[in-house]
Amino acid sequence: MTRVEGLELDAAVRLLEGEGYRVETVEARSRKGVDGSDAKRVIRVLELTDRPERTVQLVYAEFRTAAQDQ
């Protein structure tokens, strides 16, 4: 399986589905949240071995990657 940590969520899903995996996604959030987030990035990958199909769970979080105007 290709390592996808740090990739944008959509790109990671496409890549893993192309490799034949079924993909589940879970969002991780901080209590404060992220104002003005502009990217969803994968922060953890878990291979779920208890499923009948080859399945991975992608945990993602929202990030602000653009600089803030002052």
N, C-alpha and C. Protein backbone atom coordinates (compact mmCIF):
# COMPACT_ATOMS: atom_id res chain seq x y z
N MET A 1 0.85 -1.17 0.00
CA MET A 1 0.00 0.00 0.00
C MET A 1 0.90 1.24 0.00
N THR A 2 0.54 2.18 -0.85
CA THR A 2 1.27 3.44 -0.93
C THR A 2 1.03 4.27 0.33
N ARG A 3 2.07 4.92 0.84
CA ARG A 3 1.94 5.80 2.01
C ARG A 3 1.26 7.09 1.57
N VAL A 4 0.19 7.47 2.26
CA VAL A 4 -0.57 8.65 1.85
C VAL A 4 -0.67 9.72 2.95
N GLU A 5 0.02 9.53 4.07
CA GLU A 5 -0.01 10.53 5.13
C GLU A 5 0.50 11.86 4.57
N GLY A 6 -0.24 12.94 4.88
CA GLY A 6 0.15 14.27 4.42
C GLY A 6 -0.47 14.68 3.10
N LEU A 7 -1.01 13.71 2.36
CA LEU A 7 -1.66 14.05 1.09
C LEU A 7 -3.04 14.65 1.33
N GLU A 8 -3.51 15.42 0.35
CA GLU A 8 -4.90 15.88 0.43
C GLU A 8 -5.81 14.66 0.38
N LEU A 9 -6.92 14.73 1.08
CA LEU A 9 -7.81 13.59 1.25
C LEU A 9 -8.27 13.03 -0.10
N ASP A 10 -8.74 13.89 -1.00
CA ASP A 10 -9.25 13.41 -2.29
C ASP A 10 -8.18 12.64 -3.07
N ALA A 11 -6.97 13.16 -3.08
CA ALA A 11 -5.88 12.49 -3.80
C ALA A 11 -5.56 11.14 -3.18
N ALA A 12 -5.56 11.07 -1.84
CA ALA A 12 -5.27 9.82 -1.15
C ALA A 12 -6.34 8.77 -1.44
N VAL A 13 -7.60 9.18 -1.43
CA VAL A 13 -8.70 8.25 -1.71
C VAL A 13 -8.57 7.70 -3.13
N ARG A 14 -8.35 8.57 -4.11
CA ARG A 14 -8.20 8.11 -5.51
C ARG A 14 -7.05 7.13 -5.65
N LEU A 15 -5.92 7.44 -5.02
CA LEU A 15 -4.74 6.59 -5.12
C LEU A 15 -5.01 5.20 -4.54
N LEU A 16 -5.59 5.15 -3.35
CA LEU A 16 -5.82 3.85 -2.70
C LEU A 16 -6.93 3.06 -3.38
N GLU A 17 -7.97 3.73 -3.85
CA GLU A 17 -9.01 3.01 -4.60
C GLU A 17 -8.43 2.44 -5.89
N GLY A 18 -7.52 3.17 -6.50
CA GLY A 18 -6.84 2.67 -7.70
C GLY A 18 -6.00 1.43 -7.43
N GLU A 19 -5.56 1.27 -6.19
CA GLU A 19 -4.81 0.08 -5.78
C GLU A 19 -5.72 -1.05 -5.32
N GLY A 20 -7.04 -0.83 -5.39
CA GLY A 20 -7.98 -1.89 -5.05
C GLY A 20 -8.50 -1.88 -3.62
N TYR A 21 -8.24 -0.82 -2.89
CA TYR A 21 -8.73 -0.73 -1.51
C TYR A 21 -10.09 -0.07 -1.44
N ARG A 22 -10.89 -0.50 -0.48
CA ARG A 22 -12.10 0.21 -0.11
C ARG A 22 -11.66 1.21 0.95
N VAL A 23 -12.12 2.46 0.85
CA VAL A 23 -11.62 3.51 1.73
C VAL A 23 -12.75 4.07 2.59
N GLU A 24 -12.50 4.13 3.91
CA GLU A 24 -13.41 4.80 4.85
C GLU A 24 -12.68 6.03 5.36
N THR A 25 -13.43 7.12 5.61
CA THR A 25 -12.79 8.33 6.12
C THR A 25 -13.40 8.75 7.45
N VAL A 26 -12.55 9.30 8.31
CA VAL A 26 -12.97 9.79 9.62
C VAL A 26 -12.28 11.14 9.83
N GLU A 27 -13.06 12.13 10.26
CA GLU A 27 -12.47 13.45 10.51
C GLU A 27 -12.00 13.57 11.95
N ALA A 28 -10.82 14.13 12.13
CA ALA A 28 -10.29 14.46 13.46
C ALA A 28 -10.36 15.98 13.59
N ARG A 29 -10.84 16.46 14.74
CA ARG A 29 -10.98 17.91 14.94
C ARG A 29 -10.40 18.31 16.28
N SER A 30 -9.87 19.51 16.31
CA SER A 30 -9.46 20.08 17.59
C SER A 30 -10.65 20.82 18.17
N ARG A 31 -10.62 21.07 19.46
CA ARG A 31 -11.74 21.78 20.09
C ARG A 31 -11.85 23.21 19.58
N LYS A 32 -10.72 23.83 19.29
CA LYS A 32 -10.72 25.21 18.80
C LYS A 32 -11.16 25.29 17.34
N GLY A 33 -10.90 24.27 16.57
CA GLY A 33 -11.20 24.31 15.15
C GLY A 33 -10.16 25.10 14.39
N VAL A 34 -10.34 25.18 13.09
CA VAL A 34 -9.41 25.91 12.23
C VAL A 34 -10.23 26.88 11.38
N ASP A 35 -10.10 28.17 11.67
CA ASP A 35 -10.80 29.17 10.86
C ASP A 35 -10.11 29.30 9.50
N GLY A 36 -10.91 29.35 8.46
CA GLY A 36 -10.36 29.55 7.12
C GLY A 36 -9.60 28.36 6.57
N SER A 37 -9.98 27.16 7.00
CA SER A 37 -9.27 25.98 6.49
C SER A 37 -9.47 25.88 4.98
N ASP A 38 -8.43 25.40 4.30
CA ASP A 38 -8.51 25.29 2.84
C ASP A 38 -8.01 23.94 2.33
N ALA A 39 -7.72 23.01 3.24
CA ALA A 39 -7.23 21.70 2.81
C ALA A 39 -7.60 20.64 3.84
N LYS A 40 -7.98 19.47 3.34
CA LYS A 40 -8.20 18.29 4.18
C LYS A 40 -7.05 17.34 3.89
N ARG A 41 -6.24 17.06 4.91
CA ARG A 41 -5.05 16.23 4.73
C ARG A 41 -5.11 14.99 5.63
N VAL A 42 -4.57 13.90 5.10
CA VAL A 42 -4.55 12.63 5.83
C VAL A 42 -3.50 12.71 6.94
N ILE A 43 -3.92 12.36 8.16
CA ILE A 43 -2.98 12.37 9.29
C ILE A 43 -2.71 10.96 9.84
N ARG A 44 -3.54 9.99 9.48
CA ARG A 44 -3.32 8.61 9.94
C ARG A 44 -3.98 7.64 8.99
N VAL A 45 -3.36 6.47 8.81
CA VAL A 45 -3.91 5.42 7.96
C VAL A 45 -3.94 4.13 8.76
N LEU A 46 -5.11 3.51 8.80
CA LEU A 46 -5.26 2.23 9.49
C LEU A 46 -5.78 1.18 8.51
N GLU A 47 -5.09 0.06 8.42
CA GLU A 47 -5.58 -1.04 7.60
C GLU A 47 -6.55 -1.85 8.45
N LEU A 48 -7.78 -2.00 7.97
CA LEU A 48 -8.83 -2.69 8.73
C LEU A 48 -8.88 -4.15 8.28
N THR A 49 -8.32 -5.01 9.09
CA THR A 49 -8.20 -6.42 8.70
C THR A 49 -9.44 -7.25 9.05
N ASP A 50 -10.39 -6.65 9.75
CA ASP A 50 -11.60 -7.39 10.14
C ASP A 50 -12.71 -7.27 9.09
N ARG A 51 -12.42 -6.70 7.95
CA ARG A 51 -13.42 -6.50 6.90
C ARG A 51 -13.24 -7.54 5.80
N PRO A 52 -14.32 -7.93 5.12
CA PRO A 52 -14.19 -8.93 4.04
C PRO A 52 -13.40 -8.40 2.84
N GLU A 53 -13.48 -7.11 2.58
CA GLU A 53 -12.72 -6.50 1.48
C GLU A 53 -11.46 -5.86 2.04
N ARG A 54 -10.47 -5.65 1.17
CA ARG A 54 -9.29 -4.89 1.60
C ARG A 54 -9.73 -3.46 1.87
N THR A 55 -9.66 -3.05 3.12
CA THR A 55 -10.20 -1.76 3.54
C THR A 55 -9.17 -0.99 4.35
N VAL A 56 -9.10 0.32 4.10
CA VAL A 56 -8.28 1.20 4.91
C VAL A 56 -9.15 2.34 5.44
N GLN A 57 -8.79 2.82 6.61
CA GLN A 57 -9.47 3.97 7.19
C GLN A 57 -8.49 5.14 7.16
N LEU A 58 -8.91 6.23 6.56
CA LEU A 58 -8.09 7.44 6.53
C LEU A 58 -8.65 8.42 7.54
N VAL A 59 -7.81 8.84 8.46
CA VAL A 59 -8.18 9.88 9.42
C VAL A 59 -7.59 11.17 8.87
N TYR A 60 -8.44 12.19 8.75
CA TYR A 60 -7.98 13.45 8.16
C TYR A 60 -8.34 14.62 9.06
N ALA A 61 -7.66 15.73 8.83
CA ALA A 61 -7.95 16.96 9.56
C ALA A 61 -7.92 18.12 8.57
N GLU A 62 -8.62 19.19 8.94
CA GLU A 62 -8.62 20.39 8.11
C GLU A 62 -7.44 21.27 8.52
N PHE A 63 -6.78 21.85 7.51
CA PHE A 63 -5.64 22.71 7.73
C PHE A 63 -5.82 24.01 6.95
N ARG A 64 -5.21 25.04 7.44
CA ARG A 64 -5.12 26.30 6.68
C ARG A 64 -3.70 26.34 6.13
N THR A 65 -3.58 26.29 4.82
CA THR A 65 -2.26 26.25 4.20
C THR A 65 -1.88 27.59 3.58
N ALA A 66 -2.86 28.47 3.37
CA ALA A 66 -2.57 29.79 2.80
C ALA A 66 -2.22 30.76 3.93
N ALA A 67 -1.36 31.72 3.62
CA ALA A 67 -1.00 32.74 4.60
C ALA A 67 -2.18 33.65 4.88
N GLN A 68 -2.27 34.09 6.14
CA GLN A 68 -3.34 35.01 6.51
C GLN A 68 -2.95 36.43 6.14
N ASP A 69 -3.92 37.21 5.64
CA ASP A 69 -3.71 38.63 5.39
C ASP A 69 -3.75 39.37 6.70
N GLN A 70 -2.89 40.34 6.86
CA GLN A 70 -2.87 41.10 8.12
C GLN A 70 -3.33 42.51 7.89
